[in-house]
C-alpha cells in the first residue's frame, strides 16, 4: 500500500510540474510587433512601432483605430485586448497604452518572415531607401520622393507627409511602420494607385509624433 501511494504522489507532482510553466505562459499579457494587424470595432489597422515612456510600454497606430478611449485588440473577434488609446495627434495617429504597461514589449518590426530591431528614429529625406511592413503585403521597399507633402484624403487634408515609391495594395491599413534599416521614419497614412499599375504611398514622419507624445523607440 505504501508503494502504491508513493507512485501516485510522484505522478501527481510530475503532472503539476508539467502544467505550471504552460499556465504561467498563458497568463502573460499579449503584445504586438510593428507591422502586425490590430483591431477595433469596425476598424482594422496596423501596429506601427512599440514605444516607451518612463518604463511604461505603448504602441503607435493610425486611421480608424486612432480614437481616444478606444480599446484595441490582437484578433478580429475582439477577444484578446492589447490596450487603450490614450492620446491622438491632429494627423490621426494614436498612442495606445498596453494592458499591463510595465511588461516589456519587443522593439522590432516584423519582416514576414523574421524581424528587424528598431533602435532609433530619424527624419525622412528625399532619395532615402525605406521599407514598409504590413499584414496584407508583407515587406515592400522603395524610395522617398518628396517631403512636406500635403495630401487631400476623403477624411480630410493632412500636411507634412512624406511620399514614397512604395505601391499600395487593397488590404493595406493605416499605421504601417516605415523604416530604414534599424531607424524608424514614419507611419503609413495612405496611398494612390496599386502595385499592378504603379502608385505611391504616404507616411507621417515619426519624429513629430514621438515628440508630441513624449515617447521614444527602443
C-alpha atoms as a PDB file:
ATOM      1  CA  UNK A   1       0.000   0.000   0.000  1.00  0.00           C
ATOM      2  CA  UNK A   2       2.762   2.441   0.846  1.00  0.00           C
ATOM      3  CA  UNK A   3       4.452   1.790  -2.503  1.00  0.00           C
ATOM      4  CA  UNK A   4       1.209   2.500  -4.380  1.00  0.00           C
ATOM      5  CA  UNK A   5       0.696   5.802  -2.562  1.00  0.00           C
ATOM      6  CA  UNK A   6       4.277   6.840  -3.286  1.00  0.00           C
ATOM      7  CA  UNK A   7       3.841   6.212  -7.009  1.00  0.00           C
ATOM      8  CA  UNK A   8       0.598   8.181  -7.115  1.00  0.00           C
ATOM      9  CA  UNK A   9       2.194  11.101  -5.269  1.00  0.00           C
ATOM     10  CA  UNK A  10       5.173  11.100  -7.645  1.00  0.00           C
ATOM     11  CA  UNK A  11       2.920  11.105 -10.715  1.00  0.00           C
ATOM     12  CA  UNK A  12       0.861  13.961  -9.297  1.00  0.00           C
ATOM     13  CA  UNK A  13       3.993  16.040  -8.708  1.00  0.00           C
ATOM     14  CA  UNK A  14       5.166  15.391 -12.264  1.00  0.00           C
ATOM     15  CA  UNK A  15       1.820  16.499 -13.706  1.00  0.00           C
ATOM     16  CA  UNK A  16       1.864  19.706 -11.681  1.00  0.00           C
ATOM     17  CA  UNK A  17       5.426  20.474 -12.769  1.00  0.00           C
ATOM     18  CA  UNK A  18       4.493  19.983 -16.425  1.00  0.00           C
ATOM     19  CA  UNK A  19       1.370  22.129 -16.218  1.00  0.00           C
ATOM     20  CA  UNK A  20       2.797  25.023 -14.215  1.00  0.00           C
ATOM     21  CA  UNK A  21       5.002  26.558 -16.971  1.00  0.00           C
ATOM     22  CA  UNK A  22       2.155  26.409 -19.501  1.00  0.00           C
ATOM     23  CA  UNK A  23      -0.198  28.167 -17.115  1.00  0.00           C
ATOM     24  CA  UNK A  24       2.414  30.840 -16.469  1.00  0.00           C
ATOM     25  CA  UNK A  25       2.960  31.422 -20.210  1.00  0.00           C
ATOM     26  CA  UNK A  26      -0.785  31.673 -20.836  1.00  0.00           C
ATOM     27  CA  UNK A  27      -1.043  34.394 -18.194  1.00  0.00           C
ATOM     28  CA  UNK A  28       1.479  36.654 -19.953  1.00  0.00           C
ATOM     29  CA  UNK A  29      -0.117  39.829 -21.343  1.00  0.00           C
ATOM     30  CA  UNK A  30      -0.402  39.979 -25.141  1.00  0.00           C
ATOM     31  CA  UNK A  31       1.919  42.149 -27.162  1.00  0.00           C
ATOM     32  CA  UNK A  32       2.397  43.062 -30.796  1.00  0.00           C
ATOM     33  CA  UNK A  33       5.248  43.777 -33.152  1.00  0.00           C
ATOM     34  CA  UNK A  34       5.462  46.547 -35.740  1.00  0.00           C
ATOM     35  CA  UNK A  35       3.680  45.550 -38.947  1.00  0.00           C
ATOM     36  CA  UNK A  36       1.102  43.293 -37.293  1.00  0.00           C
ATOM     37  CA  UNK A  37      -2.659  43.921 -37.552  1.00  0.00           C
ATOM     38  CA  UNK A  38      -4.667  45.457 -34.722  1.00  0.00           C
ATOM     39  CA  UNK A  39      -8.427  45.632 -34.480  1.00  0.00           C
ATOM     40  CA  UNK A  40     -11.195  47.781 -33.070  1.00  0.00           C
ATOM     41  CA  UNK A  41     -14.969  47.538 -33.518  1.00  0.00           C
ATOM     42  CA  UNK A  42     -15.485  48.288 -37.211  1.00  0.00           C
ATOM     43  CA  UNK A  43     -11.811  49.021 -37.926  1.00  0.00           C
ATOM     44  CA  UNK A  44      -8.591  47.227 -38.810  1.00  0.00           C
ATOM     45  CA  UNK A  45      -5.237  48.995 -38.640  1.00  0.00           C
ATOM     46  CA  UNK A  46      -1.554  48.168 -38.341  1.00  0.00           C
ATOM     47  CA  UNK A  47       0.685  48.423 -35.308  1.00  0.00           C
ATOM     48  CA  UNK A  48       3.396  50.927 -36.210  1.00  0.00           C
ATOM     49  CA  UNK A  49       6.125  50.957 -33.570  1.00  0.00           C
ATOM     50  CA  UNK A  50       6.311  49.963 -29.948  1.00  0.00           C
ATOM     51  CA  UNK A  51       7.453  52.902 -27.828  1.00  0.00           C
ATOM     52  CA  UNK A  52       8.045  53.609 -24.166  1.00  0.00           C
ATOM     53  CA  UNK A  53       7.908  56.380 -21.610  1.00  0.00           C
ATOM     54  CA  UNK A  54       9.348  56.211 -18.092  1.00  0.00           C
ATOM     55  CA  UNK A  55       9.410  52.419 -18.115  1.00  0.00           C
ATOM     56  CA  UNK A  56       5.851  52.030 -19.446  1.00  0.00           C
ATOM     57  CA  UNK A  57       5.164  50.473 -22.862  1.00  0.00           C
ATOM     58  CA  UNK A  58       2.882  51.760 -25.598  1.00  0.00           C
ATOM     59  CA  UNK A  59       2.450  51.435 -29.349  1.00  0.00           C
ATOM     60  CA  UNK A  60       1.562  53.746 -32.226  1.00  0.00           C
ATOM     61  CA  UNK A  61      -1.145  53.223 -34.827  1.00  0.00           C
ATOM     62  CA  UNK A  62      -3.283  55.351 -37.127  1.00  0.00           C
ATOM     63  CA  UNK A  63      -6.544  55.702 -39.041  1.00  0.00           C
ATOM     64  CA  UNK A  64      -9.813  54.443 -37.612  1.00  0.00           C
ATOM     65  CA  UNK A  65      -8.009  52.953 -34.615  1.00  0.00           C
ATOM     66  CA  UNK A  66      -6.724  56.363 -33.502  1.00  0.00           C
ATOM     67  CA  UNK A  67      -9.632  57.481 -31.342  1.00  0.00           C
ATOM     68  CA  UNK A  68      -9.116  58.431 -27.714  1.00  0.00           C
ATOM     69  CA  UNK A  69     -10.563  55.871 -25.306  1.00  0.00           C
ATOM     70  CA  UNK A  70     -10.879  53.141 -27.950  1.00  0.00           C
ATOM     71  CA  UNK A  71      -9.866  49.613 -26.925  1.00  0.00           C
ATOM     72  CA  UNK A  72      -7.719  47.770 -29.472  1.00  0.00           C
ATOM     73  CA  UNK A  73      -7.382  44.024 -29.878  1.00  0.00           C
ATOM     74  CA  UNK A  74      -4.958  41.497 -31.354  1.00  0.00           C
ATOM     75  CA  UNK A  75      -7.686  39.476 -33.108  1.00  0.00           C
ATOM     76  CA  UNK A  76     -10.675  40.265 -35.360  1.00  0.00           C
ATOM     77  CA  UNK A  77     -13.043  38.588 -32.897  1.00  0.00           C
ATOM     78  CA  UNK A  78     -12.053  41.278 -30.363  1.00  0.00           C
ATOM     79  CA  UNK A  79     -11.250  38.801 -27.606  1.00  0.00           C
ATOM     80  CA  UNK A  80      -7.533  39.466 -26.948  1.00  0.00           C
ATOM     81  CA  UNK A  81      -7.184  43.001 -25.615  1.00  0.00           C
ATOM     82  CA  UNK A  82      -3.938  44.821 -26.458  1.00  0.00           C
ATOM     83  CA  UNK A  83      -4.538  48.211 -24.907  1.00  0.00           C
ATOM     84  CA  UNK A  84      -6.394  51.528 -24.925  1.00  0.00           C
ATOM     85  CA  UNK A  85      -5.814  54.674 -26.984  1.00  0.00           C
ATOM     86  CA  UNK A  86      -4.747  57.347 -24.509  1.00  0.00           C
ATOM     87  CA  UNK A  87      -3.847  60.213 -26.879  1.00  0.00           C
ATOM     88  CA  UNK A  88      -4.275  61.206 -30.537  1.00  0.00           C
ATOM     89  CA  UNK A  89      -2.364  63.711 -32.664  1.00  0.00           C
ATOM     90  CA  UNK A  90      -4.009  66.065 -35.140  1.00  0.00           C
ATOM     91  CA  UNK A  91      -2.904  63.788 -38.002  1.00  0.00           C
ATOM     92  CA  UNK A  92      -4.895  60.820 -36.685  1.00  0.00           C
ATOM     93  CA  UNK A  93      -2.016  58.933 -35.075  1.00  0.00           C
ATOM     94  CA  UNK A  94      -2.870  57.258 -31.799  1.00  0.00           C
ATOM     95  CA  UNK A  95      -0.806  56.324 -28.739  1.00  0.00           C
ATOM     96  CA  UNK A  96      -2.012  53.052 -27.237  1.00  0.00           C
ATOM     97  CA  UNK A  97      -1.195  52.105 -23.653  1.00  0.00           C
ATOM     98  CA  UNK A  98      -0.647  48.358 -23.389  1.00  0.00           C
ATOM     99  CA  UNK A  99      -2.515  46.165 -20.970  1.00  0.00           C
ATOM    100  CA  UNK A 100      -0.049  45.771 -18.086  1.00  0.00           C
ATOM    101  CA  UNK A 101       2.171  48.561 -19.450  1.00  0.00           C
ATOM    102  CA  UNK A 102       5.106  47.724 -17.158  1.00  0.00           C
ATOM    103  CA  UNK A 103       5.738  44.472 -19.053  1.00  0.00           C
ATOM    104  CA  UNK A 104       8.424  44.878 -21.726  1.00  0.00           C
ATOM    105  CA  UNK A 105       7.339  44.519 -25.376  1.00  0.00           C
ATOM    106  CA  UNK A 106       9.513  43.844 -28.456  1.00  0.00           C
ATOM    107  CA  UNK A 107      11.011  46.954 -30.050  1.00  0.00           C
ATOM    108  CA  UNK A 108      11.034  45.412 -33.522  1.00  0.00           C
ATOM    109  CA  UNK A 109       9.203  45.317 -36.852  1.00  0.00           C
ATOM    110  CA  UNK A 110       8.018  42.071 -38.440  1.00  0.00           C
ATOM    111  CA  UNK A 111       9.630  41.215 -41.780  1.00  0.00           C
ATOM    112  CA  UNK A 112       7.372  38.297 -42.839  1.00  0.00           C
ATOM    113  CA  UNK A 113       9.414  36.200 -42.032  1.00  0.00           C
ATOM    114  CA  UNK A 114      11.811  37.371 -39.353  1.00  0.00           C
ATOM    115  CA  UNK A 115      12.114  40.659 -37.506  1.00  0.00           C
ATOM    116  CA  UNK A 116      14.077  43.902 -37.711  1.00  0.00           C
ATOM    117  CA  UNK A 117      15.112  45.554 -34.464  1.00  0.00           C
ATOM    118  CA  UNK A 118      14.386  49.290 -34.331  1.00  0.00           C
ATOM    119  CA  UNK A 119      16.915  51.245 -32.273  1.00  0.00           C
ATOM    120  CA  UNK A 120      16.450  54.889 -33.327  1.00  0.00           C
ATOM    121  CA  UNK A 121      14.153  57.345 -35.093  1.00  0.00           C
ATOM    122  CA  UNK A 122      15.034  59.722 -37.913  1.00  0.00           C
ATOM    123  CA  UNK A 123      13.579  62.226 -40.356  1.00  0.00           C
ATOM    124  CA  UNK A 124      12.897  61.100 -43.947  1.00  0.00           C
ATOM    125  CA  UNK A 125      14.987  62.684 -46.726  1.00  0.00           C
ATOM    126  CA  UNK A 126      14.473  62.654 -50.474  1.00  0.00           C
ATOM    127  CA  UNK A 127      16.308  59.738 -52.070  1.00  0.00           C
ATOM    128  CA  UNK A 128      16.339  57.655 -48.889  1.00  0.00           C
ATOM    129  CA  UNK A 129      15.560  53.949 -49.227  1.00  0.00           C
ATOM    130  CA  UNK A 130      12.763  52.904 -46.875  1.00  0.00           C
ATOM    131  CA  UNK A 131      10.633  49.817 -46.328  1.00  0.00           C
ATOM    132  CA  UNK A 132       7.080  49.285 -45.137  1.00  0.00           C
ATOM    133  CA  UNK A 133       5.788  46.272 -43.216  1.00  0.00           C
ATOM    134  CA  UNK A 134       2.139  45.250 -43.172  1.00  0.00           C
ATOM    135  CA  UNK A 135      -0.039  42.172 -42.777  1.00  0.00           C
ATOM    136  CA  UNK A 136      -1.592  42.421 -46.258  1.00  0.00           C
ATOM    137  CA  UNK A 137       1.503  42.810 -48.435  1.00  0.00           C
ATOM    138  CA  UNK A 138       4.387  41.894 -46.153  1.00  0.00           C
ATOM    139  CA  UNK A 139       7.514  43.995 -46.630  1.00  0.00           C
ATOM    140  CA  UNK A 140       7.870  46.348 -49.606  1.00  0.00           C
ATOM    141  CA  UNK A 141      10.711  48.798 -50.147  1.00  0.00           C
ATOM    142  CA  UNK A 142      11.202  51.928 -52.231  1.00  0.00           C
ATOM    143  CA  UNK A 143      12.485  55.481 -52.170  1.00  0.00           C
ATOM    144  CA  UNK A 144      11.335  58.728 -50.560  1.00  0.00           C
ATOM    145  CA  UNK A 145      10.461  61.077 -53.443  1.00  0.00           C
ATOM    146  CA  UNK A 146       9.194  64.134 -51.521  1.00  0.00           C
ATOM    147  CA  UNK A 147       8.771  65.501 -48.005  1.00  0.00           C
ATOM    148  CA  UNK A 148       6.438  68.129 -46.501  1.00  0.00           C
ATOM    149  CA  UNK A 149       3.693  66.990 -48.861  1.00  0.00           C
ATOM    150  CA  UNK A 150       0.038  67.980 -48.464  1.00  0.00           C
ATOM    151  CA  UNK A 151      -2.450  65.238 -49.326  1.00  0.00           C
ATOM    152  CA  UNK A 152      -6.229  65.508 -49.610  1.00  0.00           C
ATOM    153  CA  UNK A 153      -7.876  62.356 -48.290  1.00  0.00           C
ATOM    154  CA  UNK A 154     -11.638  61.695 -48.104  1.00  0.00           C
ATOM    155  CA  UNK A 155     -11.370  62.116 -44.329  1.00  0.00           C
ATOM    156  CA  UNK A 156      -9.589  65.457 -44.630  1.00  0.00           C
ATOM    157  CA  UNK A 157      -6.350  67.194 -45.614  1.00  0.00           C
ATOM    158  CA  UNK A 158      -3.055  66.254 -43.972  1.00  0.00           C
ATOM    159  CA  UNK A 159       0.165  68.242 -44.297  1.00  0.00           C
ATOM    160  CA  UNK A 160       3.797  67.397 -43.611  1.00  0.00           C
ATOM    161  CA  UNK A 161       3.726  63.898 -45.123  1.00  0.00           C
ATOM    162  CA  UNK A 162       6.483  62.075 -46.996  1.00  0.00           C
ATOM    163  CA  UNK A 163       5.797  60.434 -50.377  1.00  0.00           C
ATOM    164  CA  UNK A 164       7.433  57.171 -51.461  1.00  0.00           C
ATOM    165  CA  UNK A 165       7.582  54.887 -54.490  1.00  0.00           C
ATOM    166  CA  UNK A 166       6.228  52.012 -52.373  1.00  0.00           C
ATOM    167  CA  UNK A 167       2.968  50.988 -54.004  1.00  0.00           C
ATOM    168  CA  UNK A 168      -0.237  50.388 -52.043  1.00  0.00           C
ATOM    169  CA  UNK A 169      -2.476  47.348 -52.357  1.00  0.00           C
ATOM    170  CA  UNK A 170      -6.059  46.614 -51.287  1.00  0.00           C
ATOM    171  CA  UNK A 171      -5.957  45.462 -47.690  1.00  0.00           C
ATOM    172  CA  UNK A 172      -3.156  47.819 -46.671  1.00  0.00           C
ATOM    173  CA  UNK A 173      -4.188  49.543 -43.466  1.00  0.00           C
ATOM    174  CA  UNK A 174      -3.088  52.809 -41.802  1.00  0.00           C
ATOM    175  CA  UNK A 175      -0.361  52.815 -39.185  1.00  0.00           C
ATOM    176  CA  UNK A 176       2.097  50.541 -41.025  1.00  0.00           C
ATOM    177  CA  UNK A 177       5.708  51.190 -39.972  1.00  0.00           C
ATOM    178  CA  UNK A 178       8.121  52.769 -42.472  1.00  0.00           C
ATOM    179  CA  UNK A 179      11.736  52.201 -41.570  1.00  0.00           C
ATOM    180  CA  UNK A 180      15.259  52.381 -42.959  1.00  0.00           C
ATOM    181  CA  UNK A 181      17.397  49.619 -41.501  1.00  0.00           C
ATOM    182  CA  UNK A 182      17.167  49.967 -37.729  1.00  0.00           C
ATOM    183  CA  UNK A 183      15.728  53.508 -37.944  1.00  0.00           C
ATOM    184  CA  UNK A 184      12.020  54.290 -37.647  1.00  0.00           C
ATOM    185  CA  UNK A 185      10.969  57.025 -40.093  1.00  0.00           C
ATOM    186  CA  UNK A 186       7.180  57.049 -40.293  1.00  0.00           C
ATOM    187  CA  UNK A 187       3.670  55.627 -40.033  1.00  0.00           C
ATOM    188  CA  UNK A 188       1.592  54.814 -43.109  1.00  0.00           C
ATOM    189  CA  UNK A 189      -1.317  57.147 -43.852  1.00  0.00           C
ATOM    190  CA  UNK A 190      -2.482  56.127 -47.336  1.00  0.00           C
ATOM    191  CA  UNK A 191      -1.585  55.865 -50.996  1.00  0.00           C
ATOM    192  CA  UNK A 192      -2.674  56.137 -54.617  1.00  0.00           C
ATOM    193  CA  UNK A 193      -2.745  53.539 -57.385  1.00  0.00           C
ATOM    194  CA  UNK A 194      -1.723  49.928 -56.887  1.00  0.00           C
ATOM    195  CA  UNK A 195       1.225  47.629 -57.482  1.00  0.00           C
ATOM    196  CA  UNK A 196      -0.023  46.478 -60.905  1.00  0.00           C
ATOM    197  CA  UNK A 197      -0.445  49.911 -62.494  1.00  0.00           C
ATOM    198  CA  UNK A 198       2.043  51.779 -60.314  1.00  0.00           C
ATOM    199  CA  UNK A 199       1.411  54.006 -57.369  1.00  0.00           C
ATOM    200  CA  UNK A 200       2.835  55.827 -54.400  1.00  0.00           C
ATOM    201  CA  UNK A 201       2.270  55.834 -50.674  1.00  0.00           C
ATOM    202  CA  UNK A 202       2.467  58.451 -47.951  1.00  0.00           C
ATOM    203  CA  UNK A 203       3.601  58.349 -44.361  1.00  0.00           C
ATOM    204  CA  UNK A 204       3.556  60.636 -41.370  1.00  0.00           C
ATOM    205  CA  UNK A 205       7.143  61.242 -40.209  1.00  0.00           C
ATOM    206  CA  UNK A 206       7.561  59.605 -36.829  1.00  0.00           C
ATOM    207  CA  UNK A 207       9.742  62.163 -35.025  1.00  0.00           C
ATOM    208  CA  UNK A 208       6.969  64.790 -34.620  1.00  0.00           C
ATOM    209  CA  UNK A 209       4.697  62.045 -33.306  1.00  0.00           C
ATOM    210  CA  UNK A 210       7.256  60.877 -30.746  1.00  0.00           C
ATOM    211  CA  UNK A 211       7.772  64.479 -29.618  1.00  0.00           C
ATOM    212  CA  UNK A 212       4.030  65.117 -29.341  1.00  0.00           C
ATOM    213  CA  UNK A 213       3.519  62.082 -27.118  1.00  0.00           C
ATOM    214  CA  UNK A 214       6.811  62.351 -25.195  1.00  0.00           C
ATOM    215  CA  UNK A 215       7.768  58.762 -26.026  1.00  0.00           C
ATOM    216  CA  UNK A 216      10.751  57.075 -27.686  1.00  0.00           C
ATOM    217  CA  UNK A 217      11.544  53.976 -29.719  1.00  0.00           C
ATOM    218  CA  UNK A 218      13.967  51.454 -28.266  1.00  0.00           C
END
